[in-house]
Protein backbone atom coordinates (compact mmCIF):
# COMPACT_ATOMS: atom_id res chain seq x y z
CA MET A 1 91.84 78.47 82.80
CA SER A 2 94.95 78.58 80.27
CA PRO A 3 99.00 79.09 81.73
CA ALA A 4 98.58 82.33 80.24
CA THR A 5 95.20 83.70 82.16
CA SER A 6 96.13 81.65 85.17
CA PRO A 7 96.55 84.45 88.03
CA ASP A 8 99.42 83.42 89.02
CA SER A 9 101.09 83.75 85.33
CA PRO A 10 103.56 86.67 85.09
CA ALA A 11 101.32 88.11 81.73
CA ALA A 12 98.62 88.19 84.62
CA ALA A 13 100.54 89.36 87.58
CA ALA A 14 102.02 92.47 85.44
CA ALA A 15 98.63 93.16 84.91
CA PRO A 16 96.81 96.52 85.70
CA LEU A 17 93.65 96.84 87.88
CA ARG A 18 91.73 98.70 85.01
CA LEU A 19 88.65 101.18 86.88
CA VAL A 20 85.79 102.95 85.16
CA THR A 21 83.59 106.23 86.16
CA TRP A 22 80.85 107.13 83.88
CA ASN A 23 77.85 108.91 83.99
CA VAL A 24 75.82 107.35 81.65
CA TRP A 25 72.67 110.22 81.59
CA TRP A 26 70.10 108.68 82.23
CA ARG A 27 67.20 108.60 79.58
CA PHE A 28 67.38 110.53 77.62
CA GLY A 29 68.00 111.22 74.50
CA ASP A 30 67.70 107.75 72.27
CA TRP A 31 68.40 105.29 75.49
CA ARG A 32 68.15 102.21 73.26
CA ALA A 33 70.72 103.48 71.00
CA ARG A 34 72.30 105.28 73.80
CA ARG A 35 72.82 101.19 75.62
CA GLU A 36 74.57 99.69 72.48
CA ALA A 37 76.27 102.53 72.60
CA LEU A 38 77.09 102.86 76.21
CA LEU A 39 77.97 98.53 75.73
CA SER A 40 80.67 98.88 72.83
CA VAL A 41 82.51 101.30 74.55
CA LEU A 42 82.78 99.14 77.94
CA ARG A 43 83.19 95.47 76.63
CA ALA A 44 86.90 97.14 74.16
CA GLU A 45 87.88 98.78 77.14
CA GLN A 46 87.46 95.48 79.21
CA PRO A 47 87.66 97.48 82.53
CA ASP A 48 87.44 95.39 85.73
CA VAL A 49 85.89 97.74 88.26
CA VAL A 50 83.69 100.42 86.24
CA GLY A 51 81.19 103.25 89.08
CA LEU A 52 77.90 104.37 86.77
CA GLN A 53 76.08 107.37 87.55
CA GLU A 54 72.26 108.47 86.66
CA VAL A 55 71.83 104.42 85.70
CA TRP A 56 68.07 104.46 84.74
CA ALA A 57 65.91 101.06 86.59
CA THR A 58 62.09 100.34 85.94
CA GLU A 59 60.08 97.86 86.70
CA ASP A 60 60.94 94.28 84.47
CA GLU A 61 64.31 96.09 83.51
CA ASN A 62 68.25 97.93 84.94
CA LEU A 63 70.70 99.02 82.87
CA ALA A 64 73.56 98.33 85.50
CA GLY A 65 72.22 95.16 85.09
CA TRP A 66 71.45 94.57 81.14
CA LEU A 67 75.31 95.53 80.86
CA GLY A 68 75.98 93.98 83.13
CA GLU A 69 74.23 90.09 81.69
CA ARG A 70 76.40 91.02 78.49
CA LEU A 71 79.73 91.49 80.08
CA GLY A 72 79.46 89.59 82.67
CA MET A 73 80.29 91.38 85.11
CA HIS A 74 78.70 91.61 89.46
CA VAL A 75 76.30 94.36 89.32
CA ALA A 76 75.79 96.20 92.80
CA TRP A 77 73.30 98.82 92.20
CA SER A 78 71.34 101.99 94.62
CA PRO A 79 68.42 104.03 93.29
CA SER A 80 67.71 107.32 95.07
CA PRO A 81 66.22 107.87 97.57
CA SER A 82 64.26 111.11 96.17
CA PRO A 83 63.93 110.34 91.82
CA GLN A 84 61.08 113.10 91.61
CA ARG A 85 63.62 116.06 90.34
CA TRP A 86 64.71 113.40 86.79
CA GLN A 87 62.10 112.12 86.68
CA ARG A 88 59.77 116.19 86.19
CA ARG A 89 62.90 116.41 83.36
CA LEU A 90 61.98 112.76 81.66
CA ALA A 91 58.65 113.92 81.97
CA ARG A 92 59.61 117.21 79.65
CA THR A 93 62.10 116.28 77.66
CA GLY A 94 61.63 112.23 77.81
CA GLU A 95 60.18 109.88 75.43
CA ASP A 96 58.95 107.76 78.04
CA ARG A 97 57.07 111.08 79.56
CA GLU A 98 53.80 108.84 80.30
CA ASP A 99 55.71 106.20 82.96
CA SER A 100 58.56 108.61 83.99
CA GLY A 101 57.47 108.47 87.57
CA SER A 102 58.02 104.99 88.02
CA ILE A 103 61.20 105.43 86.51
CA ALA A 104 64.08 105.05 89.02
CA PHE A 105 66.93 106.90 89.16
CA GLY A 106 71.25 106.13 91.00
CA ASN A 107 74.10 104.82 90.96
CA ALA A 108 76.45 100.98 90.00
CA VAL A 109 79.12 99.30 90.26
CA LEU A 110 80.07 96.29 87.84
CA SER A 111 83.14 94.23 88.84
CA ARG A 112 84.68 91.45 87.07
CA HIS A 113 85.92 89.66 90.48
CA PRO A 114 83.44 88.98 93.58
CA LEU A 115 81.72 91.83 95.49
CA LEU A 116 82.01 91.37 99.07
CA GLU A 117 80.36 94.24 100.74
CA GLU A 118 77.97 96.94 99.59
CA ARG A 119 76.54 99.86 101.45
CA VAL A 120 75.45 103.00 100.31
CA VAL A 121 75.27 106.38 102.08
CA HIS A 122 72.67 109.29 101.84
CA LEU A 123 74.49 113.01 101.04
CA PRO A 124 73.36 115.92 102.57
CA SER A 125 70.69 118.31 100.25
CA GLY A 126 71.69 121.73 102.13
CA GLY A 127 68.36 123.45 103.00
CA GLY A 128 67.19 123.03 99.31
CA GLU A 129 64.78 120.77 97.27
CA ASP A 130 66.26 116.78 98.33
CA GLU A 131 67.66 115.21 95.39
CA GLY A 132 68.61 112.15 96.76
CA ARG A 133 72.72 111.87 95.94
CA THR A 134 74.08 109.15 97.85
CA ALA A 135 77.21 106.87 97.30
CA LEU A 136 77.56 103.18 97.00
CA GLN A 137 80.33 101.82 98.57
CA VAL A 138 81.72 97.86 97.51
CA LEU A 139 84.35 95.60 98.67
CA VAL A 140 85.36 94.08 95.18
CA ASP A 141 87.79 90.61 95.62
CA ALA A 142 90.44 91.41 93.11
CA PRO A 143 93.45 89.69 92.13
CA HIS A 144 96.01 91.11 94.63
CA GLY A 145 93.73 92.32 97.57
CA VAL A 146 90.80 94.22 98.50
CA LEU A 147 89.82 97.34 97.10
CA PRO A 148 87.83 99.81 98.26
CA PHE A 149 85.65 101.33 95.36
CA THR A 150 83.28 103.87 96.04
CA THR A 151 80.75 106.07 93.28
CA THR A 152 79.08 108.99 93.72
CA HIS A 153 76.51 111.86 91.54
CA LEU A 154 77.34 114.92 93.78
CA ASN A 155 74.10 117.95 93.51
CA SER A 156 74.71 119.36 89.72
CA SER A 157 73.03 123.57 90.73
CA PRO A 158 76.99 125.39 89.58
CA ALA A 159 75.78 127.27 92.77
CA GLU A 160 75.78 124.37 94.29
CA SER A 161 79.03 124.57 95.38
CA ALA A 162 78.13 124.78 99.95
CA VAL A 163 76.49 121.42 99.01
CA ARG A 164 78.45 120.14 97.66
CA VAL A 165 81.36 120.28 100.01
CA ALA A 166 79.17 119.06 102.70
CA GLN A 167 77.81 115.67 100.77
CA VAL A 168 81.84 115.47 100.18
CA ARG A 169 82.88 115.45 103.84
CA ASP A 170 80.16 113.18 104.78
CA VAL A 171 81.75 110.68 101.10
CA VAL A 172 85.25 110.99 102.39
CA ARG A 173 84.04 110.21 105.84
CA PHE A 174 82.27 106.85 104.30
CA VAL A 175 85.52 105.93 102.01
CA ALA A 176 88.20 105.99 105.20
CA ASP A 177 85.93 104.03 107.71
CA GLY A 178 85.06 101.84 103.71
CA HIS A 179 89.07 101.78 103.01
CA ARG A 180 89.43 100.77 107.42
CA ARG A 181 86.55 97.49 106.24
CA ALA A 182 88.58 96.29 103.82
CA GLY A 183 92.09 95.50 105.98
CA GLY A 184 94.49 96.61 103.63
CA GLY A 185 95.14 95.37 100.20
CA TYR A 186 94.79 98.38 96.99
CA PRO A 187 93.87 101.61 98.73
CA PRO A 188 90.83 103.41 99.68
CA VAL A 189 89.15 104.43 95.36
CA LEU A 190 86.52 106.80 95.09
CA THR A 191 84.58 107.25 91.61
CA GLY A 192 81.98 109.93 90.57
CA ASP A 193 80.56 112.97 89.09
CA PHE A 194 81.35 115.59 91.02
CA ASN A 195 79.75 118.09 88.91
CA ALA A 196 82.60 120.37 89.96
CA VAL A 197 85.98 121.37 88.54
CA GLU A 198 88.76 120.80 90.09
CA THR A 199 90.11 123.98 91.40
CA SER A 200 87.21 123.53 93.32
CA ASP A 201 86.12 123.47 97.49
CA GLU A 202 84.71 120.51 97.45
CA VAL A 203 87.66 118.49 95.18
CA ARG A 204 90.37 120.76 97.47
CA VAL A 205 88.65 119.35 100.94
CA ALA A 206 87.28 115.60 99.10
CA CYS A 207 91.77 115.07 98.58
CA GLY A 208 92.12 116.92 101.33
CA TYR A 209 95.66 117.77 100.78
CA GLU A 210 95.32 120.78 99.03
CA THR A 211 93.17 121.83 101.79
CA PRO A 212 92.37 120.08 105.01
CA GLY A 213 89.98 117.06 104.73
CA PRO A 214 87.47 115.94 107.56
CA VAL A 215 89.66 112.56 108.18
CA GLU A 216 92.51 113.17 109.55
CA ASP A 217 95.53 112.20 107.55
CA PHE A 218 93.83 110.92 104.71
CA VAL A 219 94.04 112.25 101.52
CA LEU A 220 93.03 111.00 97.70
CA VAL A 221 94.43 111.78 95.27
CA ASP A 222 93.58 112.84 91.23
CA SER A 223 93.54 110.56 89.43
CA TRP A 224 94.38 112.51 86.40
CA ARG A 225 97.89 114.48 88.18
CA PHE A 226 99.11 111.42 86.68
CA ALA A 227 98.42 112.02 83.19
CA GLU A 228 100.24 113.32 80.51
CA PRO A 229 101.85 117.13 81.02
CA GLY A 230 98.94 119.28 79.29
CA ALA A 231 96.31 116.99 79.44
CA HIS A 232 93.07 118.50 80.11
CA GLY A 233 90.55 115.86 80.58
CA LEU A 234 87.40 116.99 79.89
CA THR A 235 84.60 114.59 80.85
CA TRP A 236 81.73 117.69 79.73
CA ASP A 237 83.12 118.45 76.26
CA ARG A 238 81.29 121.44 73.89
CA ARG A 239 82.43 119.33 70.98
CA ASN A 240 79.31 117.34 72.18
CA PRO A 241 76.14 118.42 71.00
CA TRP A 242 74.64 117.19 73.53
CA VAL A 243 76.75 118.91 75.82
CA ALA A 244 76.56 122.75 72.80
CA ARG A 245 72.71 122.58 73.24
CA VAL A 246 73.34 123.54 77.44
CA HIS A 247 75.96 126.24 76.54
CA GLN A 248 78.07 125.69 79.26
CA PRO A 249 81.69 125.71 79.36
CA SER A 250 83.62 122.56 78.78
CA ALA A 251 85.57 121.44 82.11
CA ARG A 252 86.73 118.28 83.84
CA ILE A 253 83.64 116.96 86.49
CA ASP A 254 84.28 113.59 86.85
CA TYR A 255 87.14 111.93 88.85
CA VAL A 256 89.18 108.85 90.00
CA LEU A 257 90.52 109.59 93.38
CA VAL A 258 92.37 107.10 94.33
CA GLY A 259 94.18 106.79 97.94
CA LEU A 260 98.02 107.64 98.36
CA ALA A 261 99.90 104.06 97.37
CA PRO A 262 101.94 102.77 99.97
CA PHE A 263 106.24 102.48 98.89
CA SER A 264 105.77 99.32 96.59
CA GLY A 265 103.31 101.07 94.40
CA HIS A 266 100.83 98.19 95.09
CA GLY A 267 98.21 100.29 93.16
CA SER A 268 99.20 103.77 92.33
CA VAL A 269 98.41 104.69 89.38
CA ARG A 270 100.25 103.86 85.67
CA SER A 271 97.57 105.61 83.86
CA VAL A 272 94.47 107.78 83.31
CA ARG A 273 93.01 108.62 79.95
CA LEU A 274 89.38 109.30 79.07
CA THR A 275 87.04 107.60 76.47
CA ALA A 276 83.75 107.04 74.84
CA THR A 277 85.36 110.87 73.01
CA ASP A 278 83.53 110.57 70.12
CA PRO A 279 80.53 109.04 68.50
CA VAL A 280 79.98 105.14 68.38
CA ASP A 281 78.13 104.55 64.88
CA GLY A 282 76.87 108.25 65.13
CA VAL A 283 75.39 107.55 68.47
CA TRP A 284 76.56 109.66 71.64
CA ALA A 285 76.81 106.97 74.19
CA SER A 286 76.43 109.60 77.01
CA ASP A 287 76.89 113.87 77.34
CA HIS A 288 80.14 112.92 79.60
CA ALA A 289 83.03 110.95 77.90
CA ALA A 290 84.29 108.47 80.29
CA VAL A 291 87.68 108.25 83.29
CA VAL A 292 90.28 105.04 82.90
CA VAL A 293 92.20 104.37 84.97
CA ASP A 294 94.75 101.49 85.48
CA LEU A 295 96.44 101.01 88.59
CA GLU A 296 99.36 99.54 89.60
CA PRO A 297 98.58 95.87 90.99
């Protein structure tokens, strides 16, 4: 390691901790071309920690593992216990019609730094079909302290706000427990595809400062509040042809929520922006844009 990149050098001390959340659209469309585009975007962004949703896996290969190997990152993977809904969709619309019943679906985390712990919680289904939604939590051994990092993917129907509220309550308790287990370091981070706009009950409950959250004295801040005034952060954007065909309005439904930073500013949000808002060599990597957040070291 050169002095310029040593953890004790001024440059390293000033470098932010870069986080990304991205729904990678499972195995839909031309997934072989899309995974190359996913890799290209992540390689350009050089994140420290990535939360991925709609990750696929077969008996022989795992998308998160494929990306992690090429990016030199540690991988945590959480398959859904009930992937049948997704497998039925793939059988109707995907390239893998014959093999769709054997393809797993879930969440994953990529980390440039070692993972100290991995945990998973199964989220409530609300009485309808259990979609096998989970939250995956890791403790990251980051350069300036342990980062408790959780990623999740909530139910998707626009009519399921009540289900998502119940899921959020369980997720936030899980995040708060991870924060206690980390024992200090960075504030807790919750990422993922909430399938809900920023004014929704589920996002307000998750944050816990406009609507009471499930854990007393525990608050998460939507990182987009630190963006430039007027920035919309549309992660589900009709500019993307895969979104336009669904005939739903553009929205911000993917989040990086960060716990309140101490007075020192350690772990506070330095910047937030989108990436993957355009095709890569003619290929849209996903139907979602990714959110990139830099935290102060």
